[in-house]
């Protein structure tokens, strides 16, 4: 027997994505250090990617196992970036 769930509020998600995009554009022009700008942009991009995955890919309504399968490549990518970063600036 299949379980049903309420229809996601796609327009609400759209407005959140639009607001995050506007914040990203504003962050680019802020007079702060480049490293902080990069960290803010990556954080905002991860937030937007999470919203898209949860609502448009319907991961919010799936089992936790499928969520872990989606998160694993992100963790591996983060691990590789951190392990290879000492080689970028010798």
PDB file of N, CA and C in Angstrom:
ATOM      1  N   UNK A   1       0.835  -1.163   0.000  1.00  0.00           N
ATOM      2  CA  UNK A   1       0.000   0.000   0.000  1.00  0.00           C
ATOM      3  C   UNK A   1       0.893   1.244   0.000  1.00  0.00           C
ATOM      4  N   UNK A   2       0.695   2.098  -0.946  1.00  0.00           N
ATOM      5  CA  UNK A   2       1.518   3.296  -1.093  1.00  0.00           C
ATOM      6  C   UNK A   2       1.027   4.382  -0.145  1.00  0.00           C
ATOM      7  N   UNK A   3       1.984   5.075   0.447  1.00  0.00           N
ATOM      8  CA  UNK A   3       1.619   6.196   1.304  1.00  0.00           C
ATOM      9  C   UNK A   3       1.605   7.467   0.464  1.00  0.00           C
ATOM     10  N   UNK A   4       0.680   8.333   0.788  1.00  0.00           N
ATOM     11  CA  UNK A   4       0.594   9.596   0.054  1.00  0.00           C
ATOM     12  C   UNK A   4       1.111  10.717   0.939  1.00  0.00           C
ATOM     13  N   UNK A   5       1.540  11.765   0.309  1.00  0.00           N
ATOM     14  CA  UNK A   5       2.032  12.938   1.031  1.00  0.00           C
ATOM     15  C   UNK A   5       1.437  14.177   0.396  1.00  0.00           C
ATOM     16  N   UNK A   6       1.454  15.239   1.144  1.00  0.00           N
ATOM     17  CA  UNK A   6       0.908  16.496   0.653  1.00  0.00           C
ATOM     18  C   UNK A   6       1.777  17.035  -0.486  1.00  0.00           C
ATOM     19  N   UNK A   7       1.145  17.713  -1.397  1.00  0.00           N
ATOM     20  CA  UNK A   7       1.854  18.337  -2.521  1.00  0.00           C
ATOM     21  C   UNK A   7       2.791  19.419  -1.981  1.00  0.00           C
ATOM     22  N   UNK A   8       4.070  19.396  -2.359  1.00  0.00           N
ATOM     23  CA  UNK A   8       5.000  20.434  -1.885  1.00  0.00           C
ATOM     24  C   UNK A   8       4.584  21.820  -2.375  1.00  0.00           C
ATOM     25  N   UNK A   9       4.926  22.808  -1.613  1.00  0.00           N
ATOM     26  CA  UNK A   9       4.639  24.193  -1.975  1.00  0.00           C
ATOM     27  C   UNK A   9       5.739  24.675  -2.920  1.00  0.00           C
ATOM     28  N   UNK A  10       5.572  24.392  -4.194  1.00  0.00           N
ATOM     29  CA  UNK A  10       6.607  24.729  -5.172  1.00  0.00           C
ATOM     30  C   UNK A  10       6.830  26.236  -5.289  1.00  0.00           C
ATOM     31  N   UNK A  11       5.779  27.013  -5.171  1.00  0.00           N
ATOM     32  CA  UNK A  11       5.950  28.470  -5.257  1.00  0.00           C
ATOM     33  C   UNK A  11       6.709  28.997  -4.044  1.00  0.00           C
ATOM     34  N   UNK A  12       6.489  28.413  -2.886  1.00  0.00           N
ATOM     35  CA  UNK A  12       7.252  28.806  -1.707  1.00  0.00           C
ATOM     36  C   UNK A  12       8.733  28.508  -1.881  1.00  0.00           C
ATOM     37  N   UNK A  13       9.037  27.338  -2.429  1.00  0.00           N
ATOM     38  CA  UNK A  13      10.428  26.964  -2.691  1.00  0.00           C
ATOM     39  C   UNK A  13      11.020  27.900  -3.738  1.00  0.00           C
ATOM     40  N   UNK A  14      10.240  28.241  -4.754  1.00  0.00           N
ATOM     41  CA  UNK A  14      10.706  29.172  -5.779  1.00  0.00           C
ATOM     42  C   UNK A  14      11.100  30.517  -5.157  1.00  0.00           C
ATOM     43  N   UNK A  15      10.258  31.043  -4.262  1.00  0.00           N
ATOM     44  CA  UNK A  15      10.563  32.342  -3.653  1.00  0.00           C
ATOM     45  C   UNK A  15      11.801  32.259  -2.773  1.00  0.00           C
ATOM     46  N   UNK A  16      12.000  31.147  -2.062  1.00  0.00           N
ATOM     47  CA  UNK A  16      13.224  30.968  -1.277  1.00  0.00           C
ATOM     48  C   UNK A  16      14.446  30.928  -2.185  1.00  0.00           C
ATOM     49  N   UNK A  17      14.348  30.201  -3.305  1.00  0.00           N
ATOM     50  CA  UNK A  17      15.478  30.127  -4.233  1.00  0.00           C
ATOM     51  C   UNK A  17      15.780  31.496  -4.832  1.00  0.00           C
ATOM     52  N   UNK A  18      14.744  32.254  -5.147  1.00  0.00           N
ATOM     53  CA  UNK A  18      14.938  33.606  -5.678  1.00  0.00           C
ATOM     54  C   UNK A  18      15.618  34.498  -4.643  1.00  0.00           C
ATOM     55  N   UNK A  19      15.162  34.422  -3.397  1.00  0.00           N
ATOM     56  CA  UNK A  19      15.767  35.238  -2.339  1.00  0.00           C
ATOM     57  C   UNK A  19      17.235  34.869  -2.133  1.00  0.00           C
ATOM     58  N   UNK A  20      17.542  33.574  -2.150  1.00  0.00           N
ATOM     59  CA  UNK A  20      18.937  33.148  -1.989  1.00  0.00           C
ATOM     60  C   UNK A  20      19.801  33.612  -3.158  1.00  0.00           C
ATOM     61  N   UNK A  21      19.248  33.617  -4.355  1.00  0.00           N
ATOM     62  CA  UNK A  21      19.982  34.100  -5.522  1.00  0.00           C
ATOM     63  C   UNK A  21      20.269  35.596  -5.404  1.00  0.00           C
ATOM     64  N   UNK A  22      19.293  36.352  -4.939  1.00  0.00           N
ATOM     65  CA  UNK A  22      19.509  37.785  -4.744  1.00  0.00           C
ATOM     66  C   UNK A  22      20.573  38.026  -3.682  1.00  0.00           C
ATOM     67  N   UNK A  23      20.562  37.225  -2.620  1.00  0.00           N
ATOM     68  CA  UNK A  23      21.587  37.348  -1.576  1.00  0.00           C
ATOM     69  C   UNK A  23      22.959  37.022  -2.144  1.00  0.00           C
ATOM     70  N   UNK A  24      23.032  35.999  -3.020  1.00  0.00           N
ATOM     71  CA  UNK A  24      24.318  35.667  -3.655  1.00  0.00           C
ATOM     72  C   UNK A  24      24.856  36.837  -4.460  1.00  0.00           C
ATOM     73  N   UNK A  25      23.999  37.480  -5.208  1.00  0.00           N
ATOM     74  CA  UNK A  25      24.436  38.624  -6.009  1.00  0.00           C
ATOM     75  C   UNK A  25      24.896  39.764  -5.104  1.00  0.00           C
ATOM     76  N   UNK A  26      24.185  39.965  -3.989  1.00  0.00           N
ATOM     77  CA  UNK A  26      24.580  41.019  -3.053  1.00  0.00           C
ATOM     78  C   UNK A  26      25.917  40.697  -2.392  1.00  0.00           C
ATOM     79  N   UNK A  27      26.166  39.431  -2.106  1.00  0.00           N
ATOM     80  CA  UNK A  27      27.423  39.031  -1.454  1.00  0.00           C
ATOM     81  C   UNK A  27      28.617  39.335  -2.348  1.00  0.00           C
ATOM     82  N   UNK A  28      28.454  39.182  -3.643  1.00  0.00           N
ATOM     83  CA  UNK A  28      29.556  39.417  -4.576  1.00  0.00           C
ATOM     84  C   UNK A  28      30.066  40.851  -4.476  1.00  0.00           C
ATOM     85  N   UNK A  29      29.163  41.787  -4.253  1.00  0.00           N
ATOM     86  CA  UNK A  29      29.538  43.199  -4.238  1.00  0.00           C
ATOM     87  C   UNK A  29      29.853  43.728  -2.843  1.00  0.00           C
ATOM     88  N   UNK A  30      29.861  42.868  -1.834  1.00  0.00           N
ATOM     89  CA  UNK A  30      30.166  43.324  -0.476  1.00  0.00           C
ATOM     90  C   UNK A  30      31.663  43.588  -0.339  1.00  0.00           C
ATOM     91  N   UNK A  31      32.040  44.635   0.379  1.00  0.00           N
ATOM     92  CA  UNK A  31      33.473  44.950   0.548  1.00  0.00           C
ATOM     93  C   UNK A  31      34.091  44.142   1.695  1.00  0.00           C
ATOM     94  N   UNK A  32      34.169  42.834   1.498  1.00  0.00           N
ATOM     95  CA  UNK A  32      34.767  41.955   2.507  1.00  0.00           C
ATOM     96  C   UNK A  32      35.832  41.092   1.842  1.00  0.00           C
ATOM     97  N   UNK A  33      36.579  40.350   2.643  1.00  0.00           N
ATOM     98  CA  UNK A  33      37.667  39.525   2.120  1.00  0.00           C
ATOM     99  C   UNK A  33      37.127  38.464   1.152  1.00  0.00           C
ATOM    100  N   UNK A  34      37.943  38.157   0.161  1.00  0.00           N
ATOM    101  CA  UNK A  34      37.546  37.184  -0.870  1.00  0.00           C
ATOM    102  C   UNK A  34      37.226  35.820  -0.272  1.00  0.00           C
ATOM    103  N   UNK A  35      37.990  35.413   0.739  1.00  0.00           N
ATOM    104  CA  UNK A  35      37.759  34.109   1.353  1.00  0.00           C
ATOM    105  C   UNK A  35      36.379  34.043   1.993  1.00  0.00           C
ATOM    106  N   UNK A  36      35.965  35.103   2.639  1.00  0.00           N
ATOM    107  CA  UNK A  36      34.634  35.135   3.259  1.00  0.00           C
ATOM    108  C   UNK A  36      33.553  35.114   2.188  1.00  0.00           C
ATOM    109  N   UNK A  37      33.773  35.822   1.087  1.00  0.00           N
ATOM    110  CA  UNK A  37      32.822  35.809  -0.027  1.00  0.00           C
ATOM    111  C   UNK A  37      32.672  34.392  -0.563  1.00  0.00           C
ATOM    112  N   UNK A  38      33.782  33.697  -0.747  1.00  0.00           N
ATOM    113  CA  UNK A  38      33.740  32.325  -1.263  1.00  0.00           C
ATOM    114  C   UNK A  38      32.989  31.411  -0.301  1.00  0.00           C
ATOM    115  N   UNK A  39      33.270  31.539   0.989  1.00  0.00           N
ATOM    116  CA  UNK A  39      32.597  30.692   1.980  1.00  0.00           C
ATOM    117  C   UNK A  39      31.089  30.966   1.981  1.00  0.00           C
ATOM    118  N   UNK A  40      30.704  32.240   1.915  1.00  0.00           N
ATOM    119  CA  UNK A  40      29.281  32.579   1.873  1.00  0.00           C
ATOM    120  C   UNK A  40      28.611  32.041   0.609  1.00  0.00           C
ATOM    121  N   UNK A  41      29.282  32.181  -0.541  1.00  0.00           N
ATOM    122  CA  UNK A  41      28.700  31.702  -1.789  1.00  0.00           C
ATOM    123  C   UNK A  41      28.549  30.181  -1.801  1.00  0.00           C
ATOM    124  N   UNK A  42      29.534  29.482  -1.267  1.00  0.00           N
ATOM    125  CA  UNK A  42      29.435  28.018  -1.204  1.00  0.00           C
ATOM    126  C   UNK A  42      28.307  27.602  -0.266  1.00  0.00           C
ATOM    127  N   UNK A  43      28.188  28.277   0.864  1.00  0.00           N
ATOM    128  CA  UNK A  43      27.101  27.978   1.792  1.00  0.00           C
ATOM    129  C   UNK A  43      25.727  28.222   1.183  1.00  0.00           C
ATOM    130  N   UNK A  44      25.588  29.343   0.480  1.00  0.00           N
ATOM    131  CA  UNK A  44      24.317  29.638  -0.180  1.00  0.00           C
ATOM    132  C   UNK A  44      24.015  28.634  -1.289  1.00  0.00           C
ATOM    133  N   UNK A  45      25.041  28.242  -2.046  1.00  0.00           N
ATOM    134  CA  UNK A  45      24.839  27.255  -3.106  1.00  0.00           C
ATOM    135  C   UNK A  45      24.429  25.901  -2.528  1.00  0.00           C
ATOM    136  N   UNK A  46      25.028  25.501  -1.421  1.00  0.00           N
ATOM    137  CA  UNK A  46      24.641  24.239  -0.785  1.00  0.00           C
ATOM    138  C   UNK A  46      23.204  24.306  -0.259  1.00  0.00           C
ATOM    139  N   UNK A  47      22.820  25.457   0.258  1.00  0.00           N
ATOM    140  CA  UNK A  47      21.446  25.630   0.724  1.00  0.00           C
ATOM    141  C   UNK A  47      20.466  25.502  -0.430  1.00  0.00           C
ATOM    142  N   UNK A  48      20.786  26.151  -1.548  1.00  0.00           N
ATOM    143  CA  UNK A  48      19.916  26.058  -2.724  1.00  0.00           C
ATOM    144  C   UNK A  48      19.867  24.634  -3.267  1.00  0.00           C
ATOM    145  N   UNK A  49      21.003  23.950  -3.303  1.00  0.00           N
ATOM    146  CA  UNK A  49      21.029  22.572  -3.789  1.00  0.00           C
ATOM    147  C   UNK A  49      20.213  21.661  -2.881  1.00  0.00           C
ATOM    148  N   UNK A  50      20.258  21.924  -1.578  1.00  0.00           N
ATOM    149  CA  UNK A  50      19.466  21.127  -0.643  1.00  0.00           C
ATOM    150  C   UNK A  50      17.975  21.345  -0.870  1.00  0.00           C
ATOM    151  N   UNK A  51      17.563  22.587  -1.070  1.00  0.00           N
ATOM    152  CA  UNK A  51      16.155  22.860  -1.346  1.00  0.00           C
ATOM    153  C   UNK A  51      15.687  22.152  -2.616  1.00  0.00           C
ATOM    154  N   UNK A  52      16.486  22.218  -3.656  1.00  0.00           N
ATOM    155  CA  UNK A  52      16.125  21.562  -4.918  1.00  0.00           C
ATOM    156  C   UNK A  52      16.037  20.053  -4.729  1.00  0.00           C
ATOM    157  N   UNK A  53      17.004  19.475  -4.039  1.00  0.00           N
ATOM    158  CA  UNK A  53      16.998  18.027  -3.835  1.00  0.00           C
ATOM    159  C   UNK A  53      15.815  17.590  -2.978  1.00  0.00           C
ATOM    160  N   UNK A  54      15.521  18.345  -1.931  1.00  0.00           N
ATOM    161  CA  UNK A  54      14.435  17.948  -1.042  1.00  0.00           C
ATOM    162  C   UNK A  54      13.064  18.047  -1.695  1.00  0.00           C
ATOM    163  N   UNK A  55      12.822  19.122  -2.423  1.00  0.00           N
ATOM    164  CA  UNK A  55      11.477  19.352  -2.921  1.00  0.00           C
ATOM    165  C   UNK A  55      11.280  18.945  -4.380  1.00  0.00           C
ATOM    166  N   UNK A  56      12.208  19.271  -5.272  1.00  0.00           N
ATOM    167  CA  UNK A  56      12.006  18.959  -6.678  1.00  0.00           C
ATOM    168  C   UNK A  56      12.434  17.539  -7.021  1.00  0.00           C
ATOM    169  N   UNK A  57      13.364  16.988  -6.250  1.00  0.00           N
ATOM    170  CA  UNK A  57      13.753  15.591  -6.447  1.00  0.00           C
ATOM    171  C   UNK A  57      13.021  14.688  -5.452  1.00  0.00           C
ATOM    172  N   UNK A  58      12.156  15.268  -4.628  1.00  0.00           N
ATOM    173  CA  UNK A  58      11.286  14.554  -3.688  1.00  0.00           C
ATOM    174  C   UNK A  58      12.051  13.720  -2.672  1.00  0.00           C
ATOM    175  N   UNK A  59      13.274  14.119  -2.317  1.00  0.00           N
ATOM    176  CA  UNK A  59      14.026  13.382  -1.306  1.00  0.00           C
ATOM    177  C   UNK A  59      13.450  13.582   0.090  1.00  0.00           C
ATOM    178  N   UNK A  60      12.688  14.643   0.285  1.00  0.00           N
ATOM    179  CA  UNK A  60      12.077  14.882   1.588  1.00  0.00           C
ATOM    180  C   UNK A  60      11.099  13.768   1.944  1.00  0.00           C
ATOM    181  N   UNK A  61      10.515  13.154   0.939  1.00  0.00           N
ATOM    182  CA  UNK A  61       9.489  12.152   1.174  1.00  0.00           C
ATOM    183  C   UNK A  61      10.015  10.724   1.041  1.00  0.00           C
ATOM    184  N   UNK A  62      11.312  10.574   0.860  1.00  0.00           N
ATOM    185  CA  UNK A  62      11.918   9.245   0.728  1.00  0.00           C
ATOM    186  C   UNK A  62      12.489   8.795   2.066  1.00  0.00           C
ATOM    187  N   UNK A  63      12.953   7.581   2.074  1.00  0.00           N
ATOM    188  CA  UNK A  63      13.604   7.058   3.272  1.00  0.00           C
ATOM    189  C   UNK A  63      14.940   7.754   3.494  1.00  0.00           C
ATOM    190  N   UNK A  64      15.431   7.653   4.703  1.00  0.00           N
ATOM    191  CA  UNK A  64      16.711   8.293   5.045  1.00  0.00           C
ATOM    192  C   UNK A  64      17.866   7.667   4.263  1.00  0.00           C
ATOM    193  N   UNK A  65      17.747   6.396   3.909  1.00  0.00           N
ATOM    194  CA  UNK A  65      18.817   5.720   3.169  1.00  0.00           C
ATOM    195  C   UNK A  65      19.080   6.414   1.839  1.00  0.00           C
ATOM    196  N   UNK A  66      18.029   6.800   1.144  1.00  0.00           N
ATOM    197  CA  UNK A  66      18.203   7.480  -0.139  1.00  0.00           C
ATOM    198  C   UNK A  66      18.846   8.849   0.060  1.00  0.00           C
ATOM    199  N   UNK A  67      18.544   9.504   1.160  1.00  0.00           N
ATOM    200  CA  UNK A  67      19.184  10.781   1.475  1.00  0.00           C
ATOM    201  C   UNK A  67      20.679  10.614   1.699  1.00  0.00           C
ATOM    202  N   UNK A  68      21.065   9.546   2.402  1.00  0.00           N
ATOM    203  CA  UNK A  68      22.493   9.285   2.624  1.00  0.00           C
ATOM    204  C   UNK A  68      23.202   8.979   1.313  1.00  0.00           C
ATOM    205  N   UNK A  69      22.512   8.316   0.411  1.00  0.00           N
ATOM    206  CA  UNK A  69      23.110   8.040  -0.906  1.00  0.00           C
ATOM    207  C   UNK A  69      23.342   9.350  -1.655  1.00  0.00           C
ATOM    208  N   UNK A  70      22.481  10.320  -1.477  1.00  0.00           N
ATOM    209  CA  UNK A  70      22.647  11.618  -2.138  1.00  0.00           C
ATOM    210  C   UNK A  70      23.729  12.464  -1.469  1.00  0.00           C
ATOM    211  N   UNK A  71      23.924  12.309  -0.159  1.00  0.00           N
ATOM    212  CA  UNK A  71      24.890  13.125   0.582  1.00  0.00           C
ATOM    213  C   UNK A  71      26.311  12.577   0.460  1.00  0.00           C
ATOM    214  N   UNK A  72      26.459  11.286   0.253  1.00  0.00           N
ATOM    215  CA  UNK A  72      27.782  10.663   0.211  1.00  0.00           C
ATOM    216  C   UNK A  72      28.729  11.297  -0.812  1.00  0.00           C
ATOM    217  N   UNK A  73      28.318  11.554  -2.065  1.00  0.00           N
ATOM    218  CA  UNK A  73      29.251  12.207  -2.998  1.00  0.00           C
ATOM    219  C   UNK A  73      29.685  13.596  -2.537  1.00  0.00           C
ATOM    220  N   UNK A  74      28.795  14.325  -1.874  1.00  0.00           N
ATOM    221  CA  UNK A  74      29.164  15.639  -1.347  1.00  0.00           C
ATOM    222  C   UNK A  74      30.261  15.507  -0.300  1.00  0.00           C
ATOM    223  N   UNK A  75      30.133  14.544   0.584  1.00  0.00           N
ATOM    224  CA  UNK A  75      31.156  14.332   1.613  1.00  0.00           C
ATOM    225  C   UNK A  75      32.481  13.893   0.997  1.00  0.00           C
ATOM    226  N   UNK A  76      32.425  13.032  -0.009  1.00  0.00           N
ATOM    227  CA  UNK A  76      33.652  12.607  -0.689  1.00  0.00           C
ATOM    228  C   UNK A  76      34.324  13.779  -1.399  1.00  0.00           C
ATOM    229  N   UNK A  77      33.535  14.628  -2.022  1.00  0.00           N
ATOM    230  CA  UNK A  77      34.089  15.808  -2.703  1.00  0.00           C
ATOM    231  C   UNK A  77      34.747  16.751  -1.697  1.00  0.00           C
ATOM    232  N   UNK A  78      34.092  16.978  -0.582  1.00  0.00           N
ATOM    233  CA  UNK A  78      34.665  17.824   0.462  1.00  0.00           C
ATOM    234  C   UNK A  78      35.971  17.238   0.985  1.00  0.00           C
ATOM    235  N   UNK A  79      35.998  15.935   1.198  1.00  0.00           N
ATOM    236  CA  UNK A  79      37.205  15.261   1.663  1.00  0.00           C
ATOM    237  C   UNK A  79      38.346  15.433   0.660  1.00  0.00           C
ATOM    238  N   UNK A  80      38.066  15.237  -0.630  1.00  0.00           N
ATOM    239  CA  UNK A  80      39.105  15.378  -1.646  1.00  0.00           C
ATOM    240  C   UNK A  80      39.624  16.811  -1.736  1.00  0.00           C
ATOM    241  N   UNK A  81      38.731  17.776  -1.633  1.00  0.00           N
ATOM    242  CA  UNK A  81      39.157  19.176  -1.687  1.00  0.00           C
ATOM    243  C   UNK A  81      40.073  19.504  -0.521  1.00  0.00           C
ATOM    244  N   UNK A  82      39.698  19.066   0.668  1.00  0.00           N
ATOM    245  CA  UNK A  82      40.512  19.356   1.846  1.00  0.00           C
ATOM    246  C   UNK A  82      41.837  18.622   1.809  1.00  0.00           C
ATOM    247  N   UNK A  83      41.873  17.425   1.258  1.00  0.00           N
ATOM    248  CA  UNK A  83      43.114  16.655   1.215  1.00  0.00           C
ATOM    249  C   UNK A  83      44.069  17.173   0.123  1.00  0.00           C
ATOM    250  N   UNK A  84      43.509  17.725  -0.948  1.00  0.00           N
ATOM    251  CA  UNK A  84      44.336  18.205  -2.048  1.00  0.00           C
ATOM    252  C   UNK A  84      44.705  19.690  -1.923  1.00  0.00           C
ATOM    253  N   UNK A  85      44.056  20.420  -1.037  1.00  0.00           N
ATOM    254  CA  UNK A  85      44.330  21.848  -0.928  1.00  0.00           C
ATOM    255  C   UNK A  85      45.767  22.189  -0.537  1.00  0.00           C
ATOM    256  N   UNK A  86      46.479  21.373   0.257  1.00  0.00           N
ATOM    257  CA  UNK A  86      47.890  21.717   0.515  1.00  0.00           C
ATOM    258  C   UNK A  86      48.756  21.694  -0.748  1.00  0.00           C
ATOM    259  N   UNK A  87      48.350  20.930  -1.747  1.00  0.00           N
ATOM    260  CA  UNK A  87      49.117  20.869  -2.985  1.00  0.00           C
ATOM    261  C   UNK A  87      48.886  22.076  -3.884  1.00  0.00           C
ATOM    262  N   UNK A  88      47.816  22.812  -3.645  1.00  0.00           N
ATOM    263  CA  UNK A  88      47.518  23.970  -4.487  1.00  0.00           C
ATOM    264  C   UNK A  88      48.469  25.112  -4.205  1.00  0.00           C
ATOM    265  N   UNK A  89      48.757  25.361  -2.940  1.00  0.00           N
ATOM    266  CA  UNK A  89      49.636  26.461  -2.532  1.00  0.00           C
ATOM    267  C   UNK A  89      50.834  25.883  -1.780  1.00  0.00           C
ATOM    268  N   UNK A  90      51.886  25.524  -2.513  1.00  0.00           N
ATOM    269  CA  UNK A  90      53.062  24.914  -1.842  1.00  0.00           C
ATOM    270  C   UNK A  90      53.849  25.908  -1.010  1.00  0.00           C
TER     271      UNK A  90
END
